[in-house]
Amino acid sequence: MADFPVKRIGAIFAVADVDRSAAFYRDHFGFAVEALFEGPAYAILVRDGVRLSLAEQGHPASDLPGYVMTAQADPSEAAAALVLEVDDAMAVHAALLADGVVSVAPPYAPPWGGCRFFVADPDRHLIEVEQTA
């Protein structure tokens, strides 16, 4: 096993409209926009030690030959989800609904305890909001 320190964990989502997606994460989830870039559009958002980057889909990157990031074509399929652990999932659910965010499924209390629910961003990336037991 490689042994090395990790300073921060993050994710990059391919999105159709970086400004729209940055506003969604800023307005509904409290992420701060740390940086915006053009040509192609790219945003870096941060919150509580988490880094979420948004890349305008469909552009090759010189440092990633052979790959082009794209938003999922079929919104019913998801390869990954952003997970946000909170103290009170039901309160967050109510606040998001009041903000107009659409829940993908109702809150669920799994047999092992806690509560979780899913919402989707404008490009249908799943966001799981979870309260652990």
C-alpha atoms as a PDB file:
ATOM      1  CA  MET A   1       0.000   0.000   0.000  1.00  0.00           C
ATOM      2  CA  ALA A   2       1.272   3.469  -0.848  1.00  0.00           C
ATOM      3  CA  ASP A   3       1.680   5.577   2.275  1.00  0.00           C
ATOM      4  CA  PHE A   4       1.251   9.309   1.720  1.00  0.00           C
ATOM      5  CA  PRO A   5      -0.621  12.160   3.395  1.00  0.00           C
ATOM      6  CA  VAL A   6      -3.774  13.551   1.794  1.00  0.00           C
ATOM      7  CA  LYS A   7      -4.438  17.240   2.374  1.00  0.00           C
ATOM      8  CA  ARG A   8      -8.001  17.336   1.042  1.00  0.00           C
ATOM      9  CA  ILE A   9     -10.439  15.082  -0.796  1.00  0.00           C
ATOM     10  CA  GLY A  10     -12.556  16.401  -3.624  1.00  0.00           C
ATOM     11  CA  ALA A  11     -14.460  15.536  -6.754  1.00  0.00           C
ATOM     12  CA  ILE A  12     -14.807  16.925 -10.278  1.00  0.00           C
ATOM     13  CA  PHE A  13     -18.202  16.891 -11.975  1.00  0.00           C
ATOM     14  CA  ALA A  14     -18.661  17.478 -15.707  1.00  0.00           C
ATOM     15  CA  VAL A  15     -21.519  19.949 -16.168  1.00  0.00           C
ATOM     16  CA  ALA A  16     -23.330  21.618 -19.051  1.00  0.00           C
ATOM     17  CA  ASP A  17     -23.258  25.113 -17.512  1.00  0.00           C
ATOM     18  CA  VAL A  18     -20.570  25.895 -14.925  1.00  0.00           C
ATOM     19  CA  ASP A  19     -22.182  29.159 -13.754  1.00  0.00           C
ATOM     20  CA  ARG A  20     -25.571  27.493 -13.237  1.00  0.00           C
ATOM     21  CA  SER A  21     -24.062  24.561 -11.348  1.00  0.00           C
ATOM     22  CA  ALA A  22     -21.816  26.789  -9.220  1.00  0.00           C
ATOM     23  CA  ALA A  23     -24.868  28.859  -8.244  1.00  0.00           C
ATOM     24  CA  PHE A  24     -26.763  25.662  -7.321  1.00  0.00           C
ATOM     25  CA  TYR A  25     -24.033  24.442  -4.960  1.00  0.00           C
ATOM     26  CA  ARG A  26     -23.452  27.933  -3.556  1.00  0.00           C
ATOM     27  CA  ASP A  27     -27.118  28.794  -3.000  1.00  0.00           C
ATOM     28  CA  HIS A  28     -28.443  25.441  -1.798  1.00  0.00           C
ATOM     29  CA  PHE A  29     -25.469  23.776  -0.116  1.00  0.00           C
ATOM     30  CA  GLY A  30     -23.362  26.683   1.109  1.00  0.00           C
ATOM     31  CA  PHE A  31     -20.270  26.062  -1.025  1.00  0.00           C
ATOM     32  CA  ALA A  32     -18.049  29.097  -1.570  1.00  0.00           C
ATOM     33  CA  VAL A  33     -16.784  29.750  -5.087  1.00  0.00           C
ATOM     34  CA  GLU A  34     -13.008  29.801  -4.673  1.00  0.00           C
ATOM     35  CA  ALA A  35     -12.090  30.282  -8.340  1.00  0.00           C
ATOM     36  CA  LEU A  36     -13.666  30.595 -11.795  1.00  0.00           C
ATOM     37  CA  PHE A  37     -11.814  30.015 -15.061  1.00  0.00           C
ATOM     38  CA  GLU A  38     -12.739  30.463 -18.713  1.00  0.00           C
ATOM     39  CA  GLY A  39     -11.876  28.637 -21.914  1.00  0.00           C
ATOM     40  CA  PRO A  40     -13.167  26.030 -21.067  1.00  0.00           C
ATOM     41  CA  ALA A  41     -15.238  27.054 -18.077  1.00  0.00           C
ATOM     42  CA  TYR A  42     -14.175  25.563 -14.729  1.00  0.00           C
ATOM     43  CA  ALA A  43     -15.047  26.374 -11.123  1.00  0.00           C
ATOM     44  CA  ILE A  44     -13.555  25.393  -7.796  1.00  0.00           C
ATOM     45  CA  LEU A  45     -15.949  25.365  -4.843  1.00  0.00           C
ATOM     46  CA  VAL A  46     -15.106  24.644  -1.208  1.00  0.00           C
ATOM     47  CA  ARG A  47     -16.949  23.924   1.993  1.00  0.00           C
ATOM     48  CA  ASP A  48     -15.769  22.447   5.301  1.00  0.00           C
ATOM     49  CA  GLY A  49     -12.573  21.043   3.818  1.00  0.00           C
ATOM     50  CA  VAL A  50     -14.304  19.567   0.756  1.00  0.00           C
ATOM     51  CA  ARG A  51     -13.319  20.698  -2.729  1.00  0.00           C
ATOM     52  CA  LEU A  52     -15.859  20.323  -5.528  1.00  0.00           C
ATOM     53  CA  SER A  53     -14.740  21.266  -9.012  1.00  0.00           C
ATOM     54  CA  LEU A  54     -17.093  21.798 -11.935  1.00  0.00           C
ATOM     55  CA  ALA A  55     -15.751  21.316 -15.461  1.00  0.00           C
ATOM     56  CA  GLU A  56     -17.620  22.331 -18.599  1.00  0.00           C
ATOM     57  CA  GLN A  57     -18.304  19.032 -20.312  1.00  0.00           C
ATOM     58  CA  GLY A  58     -16.898  17.904 -23.612  1.00  0.00           C
ATOM     59  CA  HIS A  59     -13.421  19.443 -23.549  1.00  0.00           C
ATOM     60  CA  PRO A  60     -10.250  17.385 -23.759  1.00  0.00           C
ATOM     61  CA  ALA A  61      -7.538  18.271 -21.246  1.00  0.00           C
ATOM     62  CA  SER A  62      -3.887  18.219 -22.260  1.00  0.00           C
ATOM     63  CA  ASP A  63      -2.957  16.548 -18.959  1.00  0.00           C
ATOM     64  CA  LEU A  64      -5.573  13.791 -19.372  1.00  0.00           C
ATOM     65  CA  PRO A  65      -5.071  12.347 -22.868  1.00  0.00           C
ATOM     66  CA  GLY A  66      -7.717   9.950 -24.094  1.00  0.00           C
ATOM     67  CA  TYR A  67     -10.462  11.204 -21.754  1.00  0.00           C
ATOM     68  CA  VAL A  68     -13.214  13.780 -22.136  1.00  0.00           C
ATOM     69  CA  MET A  69     -15.440  14.488 -19.158  1.00  0.00           C
ATOM     70  CA  THR A  70     -19.149  14.526 -19.963  1.00  0.00           C
ATOM     71  CA  ALA A  71     -22.305  14.777 -17.902  1.00  0.00           C
ATOM     72  CA  GLN A  72     -24.244  11.523 -17.817  1.00  0.00           C
ATOM     73  CA  ALA A  73     -26.453  11.025 -20.846  1.00  0.00           C
ATOM     74  CA  ASP A  74     -29.115   8.984 -19.048  1.00  0.00           C
ATOM     75  CA  PRO A  75     -30.276  10.747 -15.874  1.00  0.00           C
ATOM     76  CA  SER A  76     -31.536   7.447 -14.432  1.00  0.00           C
ATOM     77  CA  GLU A  77     -27.966   6.109 -14.279  1.00  0.00           C
ATOM     78  CA  ALA A  78     -25.320   7.425 -11.908  1.00  0.00           C
ATOM     79  CA  ALA A  79     -21.713   6.363 -11.578  1.00  0.00           C
ATOM     80  CA  ALA A  80     -21.141   8.228  -8.306  1.00  0.00           C
ATOM     81  CA  ALA A  81     -22.766  10.484  -5.730  1.00  0.00           C
ATOM     82  CA  LEU A  82     -21.494  13.362  -3.645  1.00  0.00           C
ATOM     83  CA  VAL A  83     -22.165  12.521   0.026  1.00  0.00           C
ATOM     84  CA  LEU A  84     -22.688  15.246   2.617  1.00  0.00           C
ATOM     85  CA  GLU A  85     -22.913  14.098   6.225  1.00  0.00           C
ATOM     86  CA  VAL A  86     -25.059  16.365   8.416  1.00  0.00           C
ATOM     87  CA  ASP A  87     -26.379  16.431  11.976  1.00  0.00           C
ATOM     88  CA  ASP A  88     -30.095  16.621  11.074  1.00  0.00           C
ATOM     89  CA  ALA A  89     -31.023  15.193   7.669  1.00  0.00           C
ATOM     90  CA  MET A  90     -34.737  15.932   8.056  1.00  0.00           C
ATOM     91  CA  ALA A  91     -34.057  19.628   8.760  1.00  0.00           C
ATOM     92  CA  VAL A  92     -31.751  19.839   5.726  1.00  0.00           C
ATOM     93  CA  HIS A  93     -34.382  18.069   3.608  1.00  0.00           C
ATOM     94  CA  ALA A  94     -37.043  20.589   4.666  1.00  0.00           C
ATOM     95  CA  ALA A  95     -34.712  23.531   3.984  1.00  0.00           C
ATOM     96  CA  LEU A  96     -33.778  22.247   0.526  1.00  0.00           C
ATOM     97  CA  LEU A  97     -37.428  21.655  -0.409  1.00  0.00           C
ATOM     98  CA  ALA A  98     -38.255  25.179   0.781  1.00  0.00           C
ATOM     99  CA  ASP A  99     -35.463  26.428  -1.539  1.00  0.00           C
ATOM    100  CA  GLY A 100     -37.061  24.616  -4.474  1.00  0.00           C
ATOM    101  CA  VAL A 101     -34.588  21.725  -4.671  1.00  0.00           C
ATOM    102  CA  VAL A 102     -36.367  18.568  -5.817  1.00  0.00           C
ATOM    103  CA  SER A 103     -35.839  15.409  -3.801  1.00  0.00           C
ATOM    104  CA  VAL A 104     -35.103  12.335  -5.943  1.00  0.00           C
ATOM    105  CA  ALA A 105     -36.668  10.055  -3.316  1.00  0.00           C
ATOM    106  CA  PRO A 106     -38.220  10.605   0.106  1.00  0.00           C
ATOM    107  CA  PRO A 107     -36.005  10.462   3.202  1.00  0.00           C
ATOM    108  CA  TYR A 108     -35.161   6.931   4.248  1.00  0.00           C
ATOM    109  CA  ALA A 109     -34.337   5.548   7.691  1.00  0.00           C
ATOM    110  CA  PRO A 110     -32.174   2.460   7.071  1.00  0.00           C
ATOM    111  CA  PRO A 111     -32.327  -0.479   9.513  1.00  0.00           C
ATOM    112  CA  TRP A 112     -28.853   0.371  10.847  1.00  0.00           C
ATOM    113  CA  GLY A 113     -30.060   3.820  11.934  1.00  0.00           C
ATOM    114  CA  GLY A 114     -29.729   7.384  10.810  1.00  0.00           C
ATOM    115  CA  CYS A 115     -31.479   8.973   7.869  1.00  0.00           C
ATOM    116  CA  ARG A 116     -30.586   9.830   4.286  1.00  0.00           C
ATOM    117  CA  PHE A 117     -32.084  11.271   1.148  1.00  0.00           C
ATOM    118  CA  PHE A 118     -30.975  12.107  -2.377  1.00  0.00           C
ATOM    119  CA  VAL A 119     -31.330  15.197  -4.525  1.00  0.00           C
ATOM    120  CA  ALA A 120     -29.880  15.894  -7.967  1.00  0.00           C
ATOM    121  CA  ASP A 121     -28.025  18.927  -9.255  1.00  0.00           C
ATOM    122  CA  PRO A 122     -28.926  20.594 -12.594  1.00  0.00           C
ATOM    123  CA  ASP A 123     -26.901  17.952 -14.482  1.00  0.00           C
ATOM    124  CA  ARG A 124     -28.496  15.099 -12.492  1.00  0.00           C
ATOM    125  CA  HIS A 125     -25.408  14.323 -10.389  1.00  0.00           C
ATOM    126  CA  LEU A 126     -26.686  12.682  -7.224  1.00  0.00           C
ATOM    127  CA  ILE A 127     -26.145  14.299  -3.845  1.00  0.00           C
ATOM    128  CA  GLU A 128     -26.763  12.095  -0.808  1.00  0.00           C
ATOM    129  CA  VAL A 129     -27.438  13.953   2.423  1.00  0.00           C
ATOM    130  CA  GLU A 130     -26.833  11.571   5.294  1.00  0.00           C
ATOM    131  CA  GLN A 131     -27.270  11.643   9.048  1.00  0.00           C
ATOM    132  CA  THR A 132     -25.405   8.752  10.614  1.00  0.00           C
ATOM    133  CA  ALA A 133     -26.809   6.736  13.528  1.00  0.00           C
END
